[in-house]
Protein backbone atom coordinates (compact mmCIF):
# COMPACT_ATOMS: atom_id res chain seq x y z
CA UNK A 1 24.02 217.29 123.60
CA UNK A 2 21.13 219.79 123.38
CA UNK A 3 22.87 222.99 124.65
CA UNK A 4 21.48 226.32 125.63
CA UNK A 5 24.42 228.57 124.46
CA UNK A 6 23.86 232.07 125.75
CA UNK A 7 26.06 232.48 128.82
CA UNK A 8 23.36 232.76 131.51
CA UNK A 9 21.86 235.98 129.88
CA UNK A 10 18.76 236.82 127.87
CA UNK A 11 18.60 239.82 125.57
CA UNK A 12 15.49 241.87 125.06
CA UNK A 13 15.13 244.60 122.75
CA UNK A 14 15.02 248.03 124.71
CA UNK A 15 16.26 246.25 127.87
CA UNK A 16 19.67 244.72 127.02
CA UNK A 17 20.79 241.69 128.85
CA UNK A 18 19.32 240.33 131.97
CA UNK A 19 21.28 237.43 133.67
CA UNK A 20 19.38 234.46 135.13
CA UNK A 21 17.72 235.62 138.22
CA UNK A 22 17.48 239.26 137.03
CA UNK A 23 14.21 240.94 136.21
CA UNK A 24 11.88 238.55 134.55
CA UNK A 25 14.56 236.06 133.62
CA UNK A 26 13.74 233.91 136.72
CA UNK A 27 15.16 230.35 137.66
CA UNK A 28 11.53 229.07 137.27
CA UNK A 29 11.29 230.54 133.68
CA UNK A 30 14.65 228.80 132.76
CA UNK A 31 13.30 225.53 134.42
CA UNK A 32 9.98 226.00 132.39
CA UNK A 33 11.92 226.31 129.18
CA UNK A 34 13.79 223.29 129.75
CA UNK A 35 10.68 221.27 130.72
CA UNK A 36 9.30 222.08 127.36
CA UNK A 37 12.44 221.06 125.62
CA UNK A 38 12.50 217.80 127.58
CA UNK A 39 9.05 217.09 126.77
CA UNK A 40 9.65 217.68 123.15
CA UNK A 41 13.07 215.85 122.65
CA UNK A 42 13.20 213.28 125.42
CA UNK A 43 12.50 210.32 122.97
CA UNK A 44 14.76 211.65 120.20
CA UNK A 45 17.32 208.92 119.39
CA UNK A 46 20.13 211.36 118.82
CA UNK A 47 19.66 213.07 122.21
CA UNK A 48 22.69 212.12 124.85
CA UNK A 49 22.11 214.94 127.34
CA UNK A 50 20.69 218.33 128.09
CA UNK A 51 23.27 221.01 128.38
CA UNK A 52 21.77 223.56 130.83
CA UNK A 53 23.79 226.64 129.81
CA UNK A 54 27.04 227.28 127.92
CA UNK A 55 29.48 229.17 130.14
CA UNK A 56 27.44 231.21 132.58
CA UNK A 57 29.33 234.23 133.46
CA UNK A 58 29.04 237.55 135.44
CA UNK A 59 26.13 236.22 137.48
CA UNK A 60 24.44 238.71 139.80
CA UNK A 61 25.21 236.64 142.88
CA UNK A 62 27.11 233.52 143.93
CA UNK A 63 23.93 231.49 144.36
CA UNK A 64 22.29 232.68 141.09
CA UNK A 65 23.65 230.04 138.84
CA UNK A 66 23.37 227.20 141.37
CA UNK A 67 19.64 228.02 142.06
CA UNK A 68 18.90 228.23 138.41
CA UNK A 69 20.77 225.12 137.49
CA UNK A 70 18.95 223.21 140.13
CA UNK A 71 15.48 224.44 138.98
CA UNK A 72 16.38 223.33 135.56
CA UNK A 73 17.38 219.93 136.71
CA UNK A 74 14.12 219.50 138.67
CA UNK A 75 12.16 220.59 135.74
CA UNK A 76 13.87 218.18 133.24
CA UNK A 77 13.39 215.27 135.61
CA UNK A 78 9.71 215.94 135.92
CA UNK A 79 9.62 215.21 132.09
CA UNK A 80 12.53 212.84 131.54
CA UNK A 81 14.41 210.68 134.01
CA UNK A 82 16.69 208.97 131.81
CA UNK A 83 18.93 211.25 129.70
CA UNK A 84 22.02 212.84 131.10
CA UNK A 85 22.29 216.55 132.07
CA UNK A 86 25.44 218.55 131.84
CA UNK A 87 26.10 221.39 134.26
CA UNK A 88 28.57 224.15 133.35
CA UNK A 89 30.08 226.34 136.17
CA UNK A 90 29.95 230.06 136.62
CA UNK A 91 32.94 232.10 135.47
CA UNK A 92 32.95 230.66 131.87
CA UNK A 93 33.18 227.19 133.20
CA UNK A 94 36.99 227.19 133.10
CA UNK A 95 38.49 224.11 134.54
CA UNK A 96 41.48 226.03 135.68
CA UNK A 97 39.36 228.09 137.85
CA UNK A 98 36.66 225.77 138.84
CA UNK A 99 37.59 225.15 142.36
CA UNK A 100 37.88 228.84 143.12
CA UNK A 101 34.67 229.78 141.36
CA UNK A 102 32.46 226.72 141.48
CA UNK A 103 33.91 224.71 144.41
CA UNK A 104 30.63 224.74 146.38
CA UNK A 105 28.57 223.84 143.17
CA UNK A 106 26.33 220.99 144.16
CA UNK A 107 23.34 220.11 141.96
CA UNK A 108 21.15 217.31 143.04
CA UNK A 109 19.88 214.85 140.37
CA UNK A 110 17.31 212.23 141.49
CA UNK A 111 18.36 210.11 138.44
CA UNK A 112 22.15 210.40 139.35
CA UNK A 113 23.00 210.98 135.71
CA UNK A 114 24.56 214.51 135.96
CA UNK A 115 27.92 215.66 134.57
CA UNK A 116 29.74 218.77 135.57
CA UNK A 117 30.99 220.44 132.50
CA UNK A 118 34.17 222.40 132.37
CA UNK A 119 35.94 224.00 129.45
CA UNK A 120 39.72 224.62 128.92
CA UNK A 121 42.15 226.17 126.46
CA UNK A 122 45.89 226.48 126.80
CA UNK A 123 46.58 230.12 125.99
CA UNK A 124 47.75 232.55 128.68
CA UNK A 125 44.23 233.54 129.75
CA UNK A 126 42.53 230.33 128.83
CA UNK A 127 40.19 232.28 126.56
CA UNK A 128 40.87 230.16 123.39
CA UNK A 129 41.81 233.35 121.39
CA UNK A 130 45.42 232.39 121.05
CA UNK A 131 46.45 235.71 120.18
CA UNK A 132 50.14 235.15 121.06
CA UNK A 133 52.65 232.51 120.11
CA UNK A 134 53.42 229.30 122.15
CA UNK A 135 56.52 230.71 123.61
CA UNK A 136 54.99 234.24 124.49
CA UNK A 137 52.27 232.55 126.42
CA UNK A 138 54.62 230.38 128.48
CA UNK A 139 53.12 227.16 127.65
CA UNK A 140 54.70 223.73 128.27
CA UNK A 141 53.81 220.37 127.33
CA UNK A 142 51.95 219.86 130.69
CA UNK A 143 49.93 222.98 130.56
CA UNK A 144 46.76 221.25 129.54
CA UNK A 145 47.13 218.58 132.30
CA UNK A 146 48.02 221.26 134.88
CA UNK A 147 44.82 223.28 133.99
CA UNK A 148 42.45 220.39 134.56
CA UNK A 149 43.94 218.65 137.45
CA UNK A 150 42.22 220.57 140.19
CA UNK A 151 38.80 220.09 138.48
CA UNK A 152 39.43 216.32 138.06
CA UNK A 153 40.51 216.18 141.74
CA UNK A 154 37.19 218.05 142.79
CA UNK A 155 35.08 215.49 140.70
CA UNK A 156 36.80 212.64 142.48
CA UNK A 157 36.36 214.24 145.85
CA UNK A 158 32.74 214.11 145.25
CA UNK A 159 32.50 210.98 143.26
CA UNK A 160 30.89 213.00 140.38
CA UNK A 161 30.98 212.60 136.64
CA UNK A 162 32.62 215.22 134.38
CA UNK A 163 32.60 216.32 130.80
CA UNK A 164 35.41 218.51 129.34
CA UNK A 165 32.85 220.25 126.85
CA UNK A 166 35.35 222.63 125.14
CA UNK A 167 38.99 222.59 124.24
CA UNK A 168 40.87 223.31 121.00
CA UNK A 169 44.09 224.31 119.52
CA UNK A 170 45.49 226.43 116.65
CA UNK A 171 47.27 224.55 113.76
CA UNK A 172 50.35 226.71 113.60
CA UNK A 173 52.74 225.11 115.96
CA UNK A 174 53.20 221.41 116.61
CA UNK A 175 53.89 221.86 120.12
CA UNK A 176 50.12 222.63 120.75
CA UNK A 177 49.37 219.14 119.63
CA UNK A 178 51.47 217.65 122.35
CA UNK A 179 49.76 219.81 124.95
CA UNK A 180 46.34 218.74 123.77
CA UNK A 181 47.55 215.09 123.58
CA UNK A 182 48.90 214.83 127.02
CA UNK A 183 45.59 216.43 128.35
CA UNK A 184 43.45 213.80 126.55
CA UNK A 185 45.66 211.09 127.85
CA UNK A 186 45.21 212.31 131.29
CA UNK A 187 41.56 212.73 131.05
CA UNK A 188 41.16 209.35 129.55
CA UNK A 189 43.00 207.87 132.39
CA UNK A 190 40.64 209.39 134.74
CA UNK A 191 37.55 208.32 132.78
CA UNK A 192 36.45 211.62 131.62
CA UNK A 193 35.17 212.24 128.08
CA UNK A 194 35.61 215.38 126.21
CA UNK A 195 34.30 217.14 122.99
CA UNK A 196 36.34 219.51 120.82
CA UNK A 197 35.64 223.06 119.92
CA UNK A 198 34.74 223.27 116.99
CA UNK A 199 33.51 221.90 113.79
CA UNK A 200 30.70 222.60 111.32
CA UNK A 201 30.43 224.63 108.05
CA UNK A 202 28.52 227.35 109.45
CA UNK A 203 31.09 228.65 111.84
CA UNK A 204 33.06 231.74 110.78
CA UNK A 205 33.97 233.20 114.27
CA UNK A 206 37.10 234.64 115.43
CA UNK A 207 38.61 231.29 116.49
CA UNK A 208 38.03 229.66 113.03
CA UNK A 209 41.76 228.39 113.26
CA UNK A 210 40.62 225.90 115.90
CA UNK A 211 38.14 224.31 113.53
CA UNK A 212 38.27 220.65 112.45
CA UNK A 213 35.77 220.94 109.67
CA UNK A 214 37.26 219.25 106.68
CA UNK A 215 38.84 221.90 104.28
CA UNK A 216 36.49 221.93 101.12
CA UNK A 217 34.71 218.99 102.70
CA UNK A 218 37.37 216.53 101.87
CA UNK A 219 40.70 217.44 103.44
CA UNK A 220 41.23 216.73 107.13
CA UNK A 221 42.57 219.48 109.53
CA UNK A 222 45.82 218.91 111.04
CA UNK A 223 44.21 218.82 114.56
CA UNK A 224 42.30 215.59 113.64
CA UNK A 225 44.77 212.78 113.97
CA UNK A 226 45.39 213.64 117.59
CA UNK A 227 41.69 213.58 118.44
CA UNK A 228 41.17 210.31 116.47
CA UNK A 229 43.56 208.65 118.82
CA UNK A 230 41.01 209.13 121.63
CA UNK A 231 37.74 208.60 119.59
């Protein structure tokens, strides 16, 4: 998945951040960028999908992100009618808040190969920081299922495809594994794929505890066996 990962904003020296549709960061320019990327990568054998934008947030208006997403889909389809496109939602793309924030999101894809991408973590604010303990956050074995249920229902109501593009757990309490296991079982039962956050030797961010990058390149992380069940 070729993913543009900057939360719907563009930083310029001396200007700061403009969100899509602000200043010269127009929907048309985002679409033009995606047209160039699609032209370059459409025949790459490793490409599964174009990910329009990771976790758009703090958009300047309610129609800013839908307009930008539609412009990008149109631009991609002018170059590539085959590969899938994933569309995150505004408000950090949370599954738990999807219906309230993105309930009216309706992107048209002439190729009918589009997935609405949500993200979901299990701590108290769904941020994935996991600053507190399992008990302090009031988590139960069904927390993951409960937080994605409305999003799954929204997809079903629209006969739409979905992708849970981010989820992850810390390694320090076995109960987190049950939460993740239950959610993955529920998603698989509803025909929805998912991708874990995160892996790769380059990542050293604040949520490094969530990583499934093998320790020393050889020792599997404790989160991996649960994930392998659904591979």
